[in-house]
């Protein structure tokens, strides 16, 4: 799964890049990342992905799923 903020020039959908990406990336998901200061609607948002609740919930669920799979 690939998360990207449309305001972030360093992040973009990967699946349209070709068949190899389509196989590895299950979904491109646009999210609105918010930083603690006004530039959150600019390319300066990139460092704030790790504090975004939407992204962290998805990462947490994915890690939990992997843990359950490895530890039945």
Foldseek 3Di string as FASTA:
>chain_A
DAEDEPQAPVGDDDCVVDDVSVVVPVDYHYDQFDDPDPCSSHNVVVVRLVVDPVNVVVVVVVVVVVVVVVPD
